[in-house]
Amino acid sequence: MQTIEDIINIGFTNHQGGRLEEAERAYREVLNLDCDNAEVCNLMGVLKLQQNDVDSAIDWVEKAINRNPCEYFYETLFQTYIRGKMYEKIVECEKSIIQNYPKNFSLMFNIALAYKNLKQNKRAIEFYDKALKIDPTSYQAWYNLAHIYNVENQAKKAISALKICKKLRPKDRETEYFLSIALMRGKDYGKGLKLFESRLCKETAVTLQNKSYPNLASFDKLWKGENIKNKTIFVYYEAGFGDVIMFARYLPLLKKKCKKIIFYPQKPLVPLFENNNLGVDEIIEGYIPEQNMSFDVHTPLLSLPYLLGLKGSSVFESSEGYMYADTDLVKKYKDKFFSNEDLKIGIKWQGNTYYDTDRVIPTEAFEPLIELKGTKFYSFQTFEGSEELEKLSSKYDVTDIGSELLDFNQTAAALMNLDLVICNDTSLAHLAGALGIPCFVLLPYEVNWRWHEDLSKCDWYDSIKLFRQKSIGSWSEVFEEVKELLTKTINKA
């Protein structure tokens, strides 16, 4: 006759072999004989989690803990809560875990992870520290801790944590990339730019050109900073519109080192660069057959500051306006939209949300600014997010410029008629900065590396002033600060 232990072993063997239905039958047979068997309740929880039945998994593991609280069962429970994104449930267990299992790495790590996902960063740091005291060799704990330090704009601590990550995984490219971000956030561009070469978007851009021009853009023809005085270099875009506008400042420096520059920006940027020479000899739009192309070396745009050997403040080359707008277009837009004596302010609230939604500003947040007397507001929101304009235009006189703008050259011309731009962290901010137009950039709590730790000054653009959320997700204090400054500007006018 089979004992309960025999049936458990049959179930466990089937479970390990991936035969979940057979395993479940055995476990249920055990529970019919011994309904208080905590071990089998836990195993049922594990099985249900493997079947993606999170609710049932939680029920079973909670039964196990009610019958016999032990750290192993809590480990399973936390995994089920994480799968169900029930981070508050993990936090509710904190007191009991600290009291009974203070030396369990997995439990401390998962409490930290819960706080991280709840965006309670100080508490997350506290529990990652607890976890690392138990296991100081945990790459994942150091990596997550570094991420939180970056969110909290503490570059030095992020760098220290990532350096430990690099020792634990010396050849991990992701670690190198995020270490580069932390170093550049702290303005250590000497080390940061070198590690920045590990970025994924560089590899994607290079691979694309290698496929497009296999005989010209092979990997061995990547420019590595050597002398190219008598050579032609092909420079192509990577990342977003804002990145390309920002890093275009290095093209004139590159021109001093080579014979000819062929530049390939995104299509909406082509007219802007055709209007702004920046040392470029030839701008291409879209694919050109390989037999019609001729160059000696190639590089993605974002590698230029590293390849040019820039360090320290030289990285911020041309922090004053280094672009200009088409004068005929400027006049055209002035006559059509800007013939008034008010303080003319352009706004934008949303960029590409594929990568980041934290930078999106609710349109309603602009209302206290629009109500200020002596102002005239213009929406520069294009494409995604433009439907939100109705929330403002139904109440206020806000002119829609965005729907008229088909490329960045047109946008630049319209911007030149403004007294001020107020926008989220988006390509419009970079264009305003490159043109030297006063611009308030409203940043989320998690600040992009390029704005650095000290937000009192924008190193990249002299005309930009930065404002940051005081707490995650809250724009109210940001707009109070902007309104106060804008009121002073109006009173001086």
Protein backbone atom coordinates (compact mmCIF):
# COMPACT_ATOMS: atom_id res chain seq x y z
CA MET A 1 0.00 0.00 0.00
CA GLN A 2 1.30 3.44 -0.96
CA THR A 3 2.08 5.87 1.82
CA ILE A 4 1.44 9.61 1.61
CA GLU A 5 5.18 10.08 1.16
CA ASP A 6 5.13 7.67 -1.81
CA ILE A 7 2.31 9.64 -3.49
CA ILE A 8 4.10 12.94 -2.89
CA ASN A 9 7.21 11.49 -4.53
CA ILE A 10 5.17 10.36 -7.55
CA GLY A 11 3.67 13.83 -7.84
CA PHE A 12 7.03 15.53 -7.44
CA THR A 13 8.67 13.29 -10.06
CA ASN A 14 5.92 14.09 -12.55
CA HIS A 15 6.20 17.75 -11.61
CA GLN A 16 9.93 17.81 -12.29
CA GLY A 17 9.33 16.04 -15.60
CA GLY A 18 6.84 18.68 -16.70
CA ARG A 19 3.85 16.34 -16.50
CA LEU A 20 1.74 18.82 -14.59
CA GLU A 21 -1.64 17.11 -14.90
CA GLU A 22 -0.28 13.85 -13.48
CA ALA A 23 1.48 15.80 -10.73
CA GLU A 24 -1.70 17.65 -9.80
CA ARG A 25 -3.66 14.38 -9.57
CA ALA A 26 -1.09 13.00 -7.13
CA TYR A 27 -1.03 16.18 -5.04
CA ARG A 28 -4.83 16.23 -4.81
CA GLU A 29 -4.82 12.59 -3.75
CA VAL A 30 -2.46 13.49 -0.91
CA LEU A 31 -4.68 16.39 0.14
CA ASN A 32 -7.72 14.11 0.22
CA LEU A 33 -5.83 12.01 2.74
CA ASP A 34 -4.12 14.89 4.57
CA CYS A 35 -5.79 18.25 3.94
CA ASP A 36 -3.30 20.02 6.25
CA ASN A 37 -0.20 18.98 4.28
CA ALA A 38 1.51 22.36 3.89
CA GLU A 39 4.28 21.03 1.66
CA VAL A 40 1.81 19.79 -0.96
CA CYS A 41 -0.22 23.02 -0.75
CA ASN A 42 2.97 24.89 -1.60
CA LEU A 43 3.75 22.50 -4.46
CA MET A 44 0.24 23.06 -5.81
CA GLY A 45 0.98 26.80 -5.71
CA VAL A 46 4.19 26.29 -7.69
CA LEU A 47 2.32 24.11 -10.20
CA LYS A 48 -0.48 26.66 -10.68
CA LEU A 49 2.08 29.40 -11.17
CA GLN A 50 3.66 27.32 -13.93
CA GLN A 51 0.21 27.13 -15.51
CA ASN A 52 -0.09 30.95 -15.26
CA ASP A 53 -3.03 30.61 -12.89
CA VAL A 54 -1.77 33.28 -10.49
CA ASP A 55 -4.92 33.57 -8.36
CA SER A 56 -5.02 29.82 -7.68
CA ALA A 57 -1.27 29.82 -6.99
CA ILE A 58 -1.70 32.53 -4.36
CA ASP A 59 -4.60 30.65 -2.72
CA TRP A 60 -2.58 27.44 -2.44
CA VAL A 61 0.60 29.06 -1.10
CA GLU A 62 -1.35 31.13 1.42
CA LYS A 63 -2.94 27.84 2.62
CA ALA A 64 0.56 26.41 3.02
CA ILE A 65 1.68 29.37 5.11
CA ASN A 66 -1.46 29.27 7.26
CA ARG A 67 -0.70 25.63 8.06
CA ASN A 68 3.04 26.03 8.52
CA PRO A 69 4.69 29.46 8.18
CA CYS A 70 8.21 28.95 6.84
CA GLU A 71 10.62 30.98 4.77
CA TYR A 72 10.55 28.61 1.81
CA PHE A 73 6.79 29.02 1.47
CA TYR A 74 7.15 32.80 1.73
CA GLU A 75 9.67 32.69 -1.09
CA THR A 76 7.07 30.94 -3.24
CA LEU A 77 4.37 33.38 -2.14
CA PHE A 78 6.49 36.39 -3.10
CA GLN A 79 7.06 34.88 -6.54
CA THR A 80 3.31 34.55 -7.04
CA TYR A 81 2.74 38.14 -5.87
CA ILE A 82 5.44 39.38 -8.26
CA ARG A 83 3.88 37.48 -11.15
CA GLY A 84 0.54 39.12 -10.31
CA LYS A 85 2.19 42.52 -9.79
CA MET A 86 0.73 42.54 -6.28
CA TYR A 87 3.63 44.46 -4.75
CA GLU A 88 1.55 45.89 -1.90
CA LYS A 89 0.96 42.32 -0.69
CA ILE A 90 4.71 41.76 -0.38
CA VAL A 91 5.12 44.96 1.59
CA GLU A 92 2.35 43.85 3.98
CA CYS A 93 4.54 40.87 4.93
CA GLU A 94 7.55 43.05 5.72
CA LYS A 95 7.24 43.13 9.51
CA SER A 96 6.81 39.37 9.82
CA ILE A 97 9.71 38.67 7.45
CA ILE A 98 12.13 40.97 9.28
CA GLN A 99 11.15 39.45 12.61
CA ASN A 100 11.35 35.81 11.57
CA TYR A 101 13.68 35.55 8.55
CA PRO A 102 16.11 38.51 8.67
CA LYS A 103 18.90 36.48 7.02
CA ASN A 104 16.94 35.31 3.98
CA PHE A 105 18.37 37.00 0.89
CA SER A 106 15.50 36.11 -1.44
CA LEU A 107 12.86 37.60 0.86
CA MET A 108 14.81 40.84 1.45
CA PHE A 109 15.51 41.14 -2.28
CA ASN A 110 11.85 40.73 -3.20
CA ILE A 111 10.69 43.25 -0.59
CA ALA A 112 13.17 45.68 -2.15
CA LEU A 113 11.84 44.81 -5.59
CA ALA A 114 8.29 45.48 -4.41
CA TYR A 115 9.23 48.91 -3.08
CA LYS A 116 11.10 49.62 -6.32
CA ASN A 117 7.99 48.85 -8.38
CA LEU A 118 5.87 50.93 -6.02
CA LYS A 119 8.34 53.78 -6.64
CA GLN A 120 9.14 54.03 -2.94
CA ASN A 121 12.83 54.38 -3.63
CA LYS A 122 14.16 55.10 -0.16
CA ARG A 123 12.55 51.94 1.21
CA ALA A 124 13.80 49.97 -1.79
CA ILE A 125 17.36 51.13 -1.11
CA GLU A 126 16.99 50.07 2.53
CA PHE A 127 16.03 46.52 1.61
CA TYR A 128 18.58 46.14 -1.19
CA ASP A 129 21.17 47.08 1.43
CA LYS A 130 19.78 44.38 3.73
CA ALA A 131 19.89 41.84 0.91
CA LEU A 132 23.46 42.73 -0.01
CA LYS A 133 24.64 42.34 3.57
CA ILE A 134 23.42 38.75 3.30
CA ASP A 135 24.85 38.16 -0.20
CA PRO A 136 27.24 40.88 -1.38
CA THR A 137 27.88 38.97 -4.62
CA SER A 138 24.34 39.39 -6.00
CA TYR A 139 24.65 41.07 -9.39
CA GLN A 140 20.89 41.66 -9.64
CA ALA A 141 20.72 43.42 -6.26
CA TRP A 142 23.63 45.73 -7.10
CA TYR A 143 22.18 46.38 -10.56
CA ASN A 144 18.73 47.27 -9.22
CA LEU A 145 20.28 49.43 -6.52
CA ALA A 146 22.27 51.31 -9.17
CA HIS A 147 19.08 51.92 -11.15
CA ILE A 148 17.38 53.48 -8.12
CA TYR A 149 20.40 55.68 -7.45
CA ASN A 150 20.15 56.89 -11.06
CA VAL A 151 16.45 57.65 -10.58
CA GLU A 152 17.33 59.57 -7.43
CA ASN A 153 19.96 61.51 -9.40
CA GLN A 154 22.81 60.19 -7.22
CA ALA A 155 25.43 59.50 -9.86
CA LYS A 156 28.33 58.71 -7.54
CA LYS A 157 26.43 55.98 -5.70
CA ALA A 158 25.12 54.59 -8.99
CA ILE A 159 28.67 54.47 -10.36
CA SER A 160 29.96 52.64 -7.26
CA ALA A 161 27.20 50.03 -7.51
CA LEU A 162 27.72 49.54 -11.25
CA LYS A 163 31.47 49.15 -10.82
CA ILE A 164 30.75 46.23 -8.49
CA CYS A 165 28.36 44.86 -11.15
CA LYS A 166 31.19 45.11 -13.67
CA LYS A 167 33.50 43.11 -11.41
CA LEU A 168 30.81 40.46 -11.02
CA ARG A 169 30.14 40.35 -14.79
CA PRO A 170 33.21 41.83 -16.51
CA LYS A 171 32.00 41.33 -20.07
CA ASP A 172 28.34 42.31 -19.64
CA ARG A 173 27.52 45.03 -22.19
CA GLU A 174 24.37 46.14 -20.43
CA THR A 175 26.39 46.88 -17.30
CA GLU A 176 28.89 48.88 -19.34
CA TYR A 177 26.12 50.87 -20.96
CA PHE A 178 24.41 51.83 -17.70
CA LEU A 179 27.78 52.61 -16.12
CA SER A 180 28.41 54.99 -19.03
CA ILE A 181 25.06 56.67 -18.36
CA ALA A 182 25.89 57.11 -14.67
CA LEU A 183 29.36 58.47 -15.48
CA MET A 184 27.99 60.99 -17.97
CA ARG A 185 25.25 62.00 -15.54
CA GLY A 186 28.10 62.88 -13.19
CA LYS A 187 29.89 64.71 -16.08
CA ASP A 188 32.75 62.19 -16.27
CA TYR A 189 32.73 62.13 -20.07
CA GLY A 190 36.33 60.95 -20.30
CA LYS A 191 35.33 57.50 -19.03
CA GLY A 192 31.63 57.67 -19.85
CA LEU A 193 31.88 58.21 -23.60
CA LYS A 194 34.21 55.23 -24.01
CA LEU A 195 31.73 52.90 -22.28
CA PHE A 196 28.86 54.59 -24.15
CA GLU A 197 30.16 52.81 -27.25
CA SER A 198 28.54 49.65 -25.85
CA ARG A 199 25.03 51.11 -26.42
CA LEU A 200 22.57 48.94 -28.28
CA CYS A 201 21.36 51.67 -30.64
CA LYS A 202 24.93 52.01 -31.96
CA GLU A 203 25.07 48.33 -32.81
CA THR A 204 21.66 48.53 -34.51
CA ALA A 205 22.68 51.57 -36.57
CA VAL A 206 26.00 50.05 -37.64
CA THR A 207 24.39 46.72 -38.55
CA LEU A 208 21.76 48.49 -40.66
CA GLN A 209 24.38 50.35 -42.68
CA ASN A 210 26.46 47.20 -43.01
CA LYS A 211 23.45 45.48 -44.59
CA SER A 212 22.69 48.49 -46.81
CA TYR A 213 26.28 48.98 -47.99
CA PRO A 214 28.08 45.64 -47.41
CA ASN A 215 31.14 46.64 -49.44
CA LEU A 216 31.44 50.14 -48.03
CA ALA A 217 30.14 50.01 -44.47
CA SER A 218 31.76 46.81 -43.26
CA PHE A 219 32.71 46.66 -39.57
CA ASP A 220 36.41 47.01 -40.35
CA LYS A 221 35.69 50.41 -41.94
CA LEU A 222 34.19 51.87 -38.78
CA TRP A 223 36.05 55.06 -37.93
CA LYS A 224 38.05 54.56 -34.72
CA GLY A 225 39.43 58.06 -34.39
CA GLU A 226 42.43 57.68 -36.71
CA ASN A 227 43.60 60.39 -39.13
CA ILE A 228 41.01 60.90 -41.90
CA LYS A 229 42.29 64.24 -43.21
CA ASN A 230 42.01 63.20 -46.86
CA LYS A 231 39.07 60.83 -46.47
CA THR A 232 35.29 60.86 -46.80
CA ILE A 233 33.25 59.83 -43.77
CA PHE A 234 29.64 58.66 -43.77
CA VAL A 235 27.79 59.73 -40.59
CA TYR A 236 24.31 58.37 -39.95
CA TYR A 237 21.58 58.84 -37.38
CA GLU A 238 20.75 56.68 -34.39
CA ALA A 239 18.29 57.11 -31.51
CA GLY A 240 15.64 59.87 -31.64
CA PHE A 241 15.21 63.27 -33.29
CA GLY A 242 16.36 65.10 -30.16
CA ASP A 243 19.57 63.06 -29.95
CA VAL A 244 20.42 63.86 -33.57
CA ILE A 245 19.82 67.60 -33.09
CA MET A 246 21.89 67.57 -29.90
CA PHE A 247 24.85 65.62 -31.34
CA ALA A 248 24.83 67.53 -34.65
CA ARG A 249 26.89 70.17 -32.82
CA TYR A 250 29.95 67.95 -33.41
CA LEU A 251 29.70 67.93 -37.21
CA PRO A 252 31.65 71.20 -37.65
CA LEU A 253 34.44 69.75 -35.47
CA LEU A 254 34.46 66.60 -37.56
CA LYS A 255 34.74 68.65 -40.75
CA LYS A 256 38.08 70.00 -39.54
CA LYS A 257 39.43 66.45 -39.45
CA CYS A 258 38.22 65.06 -42.78
CA LYS A 259 37.89 65.85 -46.46
CA LYS A 260 34.16 65.27 -46.84
CA ILE A 261 31.11 64.46 -44.67
CA ILE A 262 28.11 62.56 -45.99
CA PHE A 263 25.30 62.81 -43.45
CA TYR A 264 22.16 60.68 -43.21
CA PRO A 265 19.55 62.07 -40.74
CA GLN A 266 15.94 60.95 -40.30
CA LYS A 267 13.69 62.20 -43.11
CA PRO A 268 11.83 64.89 -41.07
CA LEU A 269 15.23 66.39 -40.15
CA VAL A 270 16.57 66.58 -43.72
CA PRO A 271 15.17 70.07 -44.55
CA LEU A 272 16.55 71.44 -41.27
CA PHE A 273 20.05 70.20 -42.02
CA GLU A 274 19.81 71.38 -45.62
CA ASN A 275 19.19 74.84 -44.18
CA ASN A 276 22.04 74.45 -41.64
CA ASN A 277 25.34 73.47 -43.23
CA LEU A 278 27.25 72.48 -40.05
CA GLY A 279 30.19 71.41 -42.21
CA VAL A 280 28.23 68.70 -44.01
CA ASP A 281 29.06 68.30 -47.70
CA GLU A 282 26.25 65.97 -48.69
CA ILE A 283 22.94 65.10 -47.06
CA ILE A 284 21.13 61.97 -48.16
CA GLU A 285 17.47 61.21 -47.72
CA GLY A 286 16.57 57.55 -47.60
CA TYR A 287 18.43 54.70 -49.29
CA ILE A 288 20.92 55.33 -52.10
CA PRO A 289 22.17 52.29 -54.10
CA GLU A 290 25.65 51.23 -53.07
CA GLN A 291 27.08 51.86 -56.54
CA ASN A 292 26.10 55.53 -56.12
CA MET A 293 27.73 55.88 -52.70
CA SER A 294 31.39 56.51 -52.03
CA PHE A 295 33.05 56.87 -48.62
CA ASP A 296 36.16 55.62 -46.82
CA VAL A 297 34.96 55.24 -43.22
CA HIS A 298 31.66 55.46 -41.39
CA THR A 299 30.27 56.09 -37.89
CA PRO A 300 26.96 56.58 -36.10
CA LEU A 301 26.41 60.16 -35.00
CA LEU A 302 26.41 59.56 -31.24
CA SER A 303 29.99 58.23 -31.36
CA LEU A 304 31.39 61.58 -32.52
CA PRO A 305 32.30 63.15 -29.13
CA TYR A 306 34.23 60.00 -28.17
CA LEU A 307 35.98 59.68 -31.53
CA LEU A 308 36.83 63.38 -31.50
CA GLY A 309 38.49 62.90 -28.11
CA LEU A 310 36.29 65.41 -26.29
CA LYS A 311 36.50 65.55 -22.52
CA GLY A 312 35.34 67.86 -19.75
CA SER A 313 33.58 71.05 -20.83
CA SER A 314 34.65 70.55 -24.47
CA VAL A 315 31.82 68.01 -24.72
CA PHE A 316 29.38 70.93 -24.50
CA GLU A 317 30.70 72.44 -27.73
CA SER A 318 28.34 75.13 -29.06
CA SER A 319 26.13 75.47 -26.00
CA GLU A 320 24.95 78.72 -27.56
CA GLY A 321 22.59 78.48 -30.53
CA TYR A 322 24.31 76.58 -33.34
CA MET A 323 21.36 76.34 -35.72
CA TYR A 324 19.23 78.91 -37.49
CA ALA A 325 15.87 78.95 -39.25
CA ASP A 326 14.82 79.70 -42.83
CA THR A 327 14.17 83.48 -42.79
CA ASP A 328 11.47 83.32 -45.46
CA LEU A 329 9.60 80.67 -43.50
CA VAL A 330 10.01 82.66 -40.28
CA LYS A 331 8.26 85.63 -41.90
CA LYS A 332 5.57 83.42 -43.40
CA TYR A 333 4.64 82.04 -39.98
CA LYS A 334 4.89 85.46 -38.34
CA ASP A 335 2.40 86.96 -40.77
CA LYS A 336 0.03 84.02 -40.39
CA PHE A 337 0.10 83.40 -36.63
CA PHE A 338 2.27 85.74 -34.60
CA SER A 339 1.24 89.32 -35.38
CA ASN A 340 0.34 90.31 -31.82
CA GLU A 341 1.96 92.13 -28.90
CA ASP A 342 1.42 89.39 -26.30
CA LEU A 343 4.14 87.23 -24.80
CA LYS A 344 4.14 84.39 -27.32
CA ILE A 345 4.62 80.96 -25.74
CA GLY A 346 4.83 77.61 -27.49
CA ILE A 347 3.94 74.44 -25.60
CA LYS A 348 4.27 70.70 -26.08
CA TRP A 349 3.35 67.97 -23.62
CA GLN A 350 4.22 64.63 -25.22
CA GLY A 351 6.96 62.92 -27.19
CA ASN A 352 7.35 59.32 -28.29
CA THR A 353 5.63 57.19 -25.65
CA TYR A 354 6.99 53.89 -27.00
CA TYR A 355 9.97 54.11 -24.64
CA ASP A 356 8.77 56.40 -21.88
CA THR A 357 5.44 57.66 -20.55
CA ASP A 358 6.80 59.43 -17.45
CA ARG A 359 7.67 62.48 -19.55
CA VAL A 360 4.08 62.99 -20.73
CA ILE A 361 2.49 66.07 -19.15
CA PRO A 362 -1.31 66.27 -18.68
CA THR A 363 -2.56 69.13 -20.86
CA GLU A 364 -4.69 70.42 -17.98
CA ALA A 365 -1.48 71.26 -16.11
CA PHE A 366 -0.88 74.16 -18.53
CA GLU A 367 -4.17 75.88 -17.65
CA PRO A 368 -2.82 78.12 -14.83
CA LEU A 369 -0.19 79.44 -17.27
CA ILE A 370 -2.63 80.06 -20.12
CA GLU A 371 -4.83 82.11 -17.77
CA LEU A 372 -2.04 84.63 -17.19
CA LYS A 373 -2.85 87.96 -18.81
CA GLY A 374 -0.62 89.27 -21.58
CA THR A 375 0.18 85.80 -22.95
CA LYS A 376 -0.68 84.01 -26.17
CA PHE A 377 -0.17 80.24 -26.32
CA TYR A 378 0.59 78.04 -29.32
CA SER A 379 0.46 74.26 -29.40
CA PHE A 380 3.47 72.63 -31.07
CA GLN A 381 2.15 69.15 -30.32
CA THR A 382 2.30 66.95 -33.41
CA PHE A 383 0.94 63.49 -34.19
CA GLU A 384 0.65 61.35 -31.03
CA GLY A 385 -0.85 63.44 -28.26
CA SER A 386 -2.29 66.15 -30.52
CA GLU A 387 -5.80 64.92 -29.78
CA GLU A 388 -5.29 66.21 -26.23
CA LEU A 389 -5.29 69.81 -27.47
CA GLU A 390 -9.11 69.78 -27.43
CA LYS A 391 -8.96 69.85 -23.62
CA LEU A 392 -7.30 73.26 -23.82
CA SER A 393 -8.75 74.77 -26.99
CA SER A 394 -12.30 74.13 -25.77
CA LYS A 395 -11.63 76.53 -22.87
CA TYR A 396 -8.89 78.86 -24.05
CA ASP A 397 -7.55 80.62 -27.12
CA VAL A 398 -4.69 78.23 -27.94
CA THR A 399 -3.52 78.25 -31.54
CA ASP A 400 -2.71 74.90 -33.11
CA ILE A 401 0.63 75.21 -34.91
CA GLY A 402 1.53 71.53 -34.66
CA SER A 403 -0.91 70.42 -37.34
CA GLU A 404 0.85 72.73 -39.83
CA LEU A 405 4.35 71.41 -39.20
CA LEU A 406 5.52 68.60 -41.46
CA ASP A 407 9.26 68.74 -40.74
CA PHE A 408 11.77 70.27 -38.34
CA ASN A 409 12.71 73.10 -40.69
CA GLN A 410 9.14 74.37 -40.54
CA THR A 411 9.11 73.86 -36.78
CA ALA A 412 12.33 75.86 -36.41
CA ALA A 413 10.85 78.75 -38.40
CA ALA A 414 7.69 78.80 -36.28
CA LEU A 415 9.74 78.64 -33.07
CA MET A 416 11.72 81.73 -34.04
CA ASN A 417 8.56 83.81 -33.60
CA LEU A 418 8.19 82.84 -29.95
CA ASP A 419 9.34 84.55 -26.78
CA LEU A 420 9.40 81.27 -24.86
CA VAL A 421 8.93 77.51 -25.25
CA ILE A 422 7.54 75.40 -22.39
CA CYS A 423 7.66 71.68 -23.04
CA ASN A 424 8.44 68.23 -21.76
CA ASP A 425 11.78 66.51 -22.38
CA THR A 426 11.38 66.06 -26.12
CA SER A 427 12.93 66.92 -29.49
CA LEU A 428 11.26 70.37 -29.43
CA ALA A 429 13.42 71.27 -26.43
CA HIS A 430 16.60 70.32 -28.30
CA LEU A 431 15.53 72.30 -31.35
CA ALA A 432 14.72 75.37 -29.25
CA GLY A 433 18.10 75.05 -27.50
CA ALA A 434 19.97 74.62 -30.79
CA LEU A 435 18.25 77.76 -32.10
CA GLY A 436 19.01 79.71 -28.92
CA ILE A 437 15.32 80.27 -28.09
CA PRO A 438 14.42 80.59 -24.37
CA CYS A 439 12.91 77.31 -23.26
CA PHE A 440 11.60 75.85 -20.01
CA VAL A 441 12.05 72.05 -20.06
CA LEU A 442 9.80 70.26 -17.58
CA LEU A 443 11.40 67.03 -16.39
CA PRO A 444 9.90 63.99 -14.64
CA TYR A 445 11.35 62.77 -11.36
CA GLU A 446 13.59 60.30 -13.21
CA VAL A 447 15.82 62.69 -15.13
CA ASN A 448 17.58 61.68 -18.34
CA TRP A 449 21.37 61.47 -17.95
CA ARG A 450 22.08 64.42 -20.26
CA TRP A 451 20.61 66.96 -17.84
CA HIS A 452 23.09 65.88 -15.11
CA GLU A 453 22.68 66.07 -11.33
CA ASP A 454 22.83 69.84 -10.95
CA LEU A 455 19.71 71.13 -12.68
CA SER A 456 20.40 74.80 -11.90
CA LYS A 457 22.12 75.11 -15.29
CA CYS A 458 21.70 73.35 -18.61
CA ASP A 459 25.20 72.59 -19.88
CA TRP A 460 24.07 71.69 -23.40
CA TYR A 461 22.02 74.79 -24.23
CA ASP A 462 22.43 78.26 -22.74
CA SER A 463 18.82 79.19 -23.52
CA ILE A 464 17.26 76.26 -21.62
CA LYS A 465 16.12 76.31 -18.00
CA LEU A 466 15.30 73.01 -16.30
CA PHE A 467 12.48 72.18 -13.90
CA ARG A 468 12.11 68.78 -12.21
CA GLN A 469 9.28 67.01 -10.40
CA LYS A 470 9.76 67.06 -6.63
CA SER A 471 7.98 63.72 -6.28
CA ILE A 472 7.30 60.91 -8.74
CA GLY A 473 4.39 61.64 -11.06
CA SER A 474 3.50 65.05 -9.60
CA TRP A 475 3.53 68.05 -11.97
CA SER A 476 1.73 70.53 -9.70
CA GLU A 477 4.84 71.87 -7.96
CA VAL A 478 6.66 72.11 -11.29
CA PHE A 479 3.94 74.31 -12.76
CA GLU A 480 3.75 76.44 -9.61
CA GLU A 481 7.46 77.16 -10.04
CA VAL A 482 7.04 77.88 -13.75
CA LYS A 483 4.04 80.15 -13.12
CA GLU A 484 5.97 82.14 -10.54
CA LEU A 485 8.87 82.73 -12.93
CA LEU A 486 6.58 83.43 -15.88
CA THR A 487 4.64 86.00 -13.84
CA LYS A 488 7.87 87.83 -13.06
CA THR A 489 8.78 87.79 -16.76
CA ILE A 490 5.39 89.24 -17.72
CA ASN A 491 5.66 91.98 -15.08
CA LYS A 492 9.09 92.99 -16.41
CA ALA A 493 7.88 93.17 -20.00
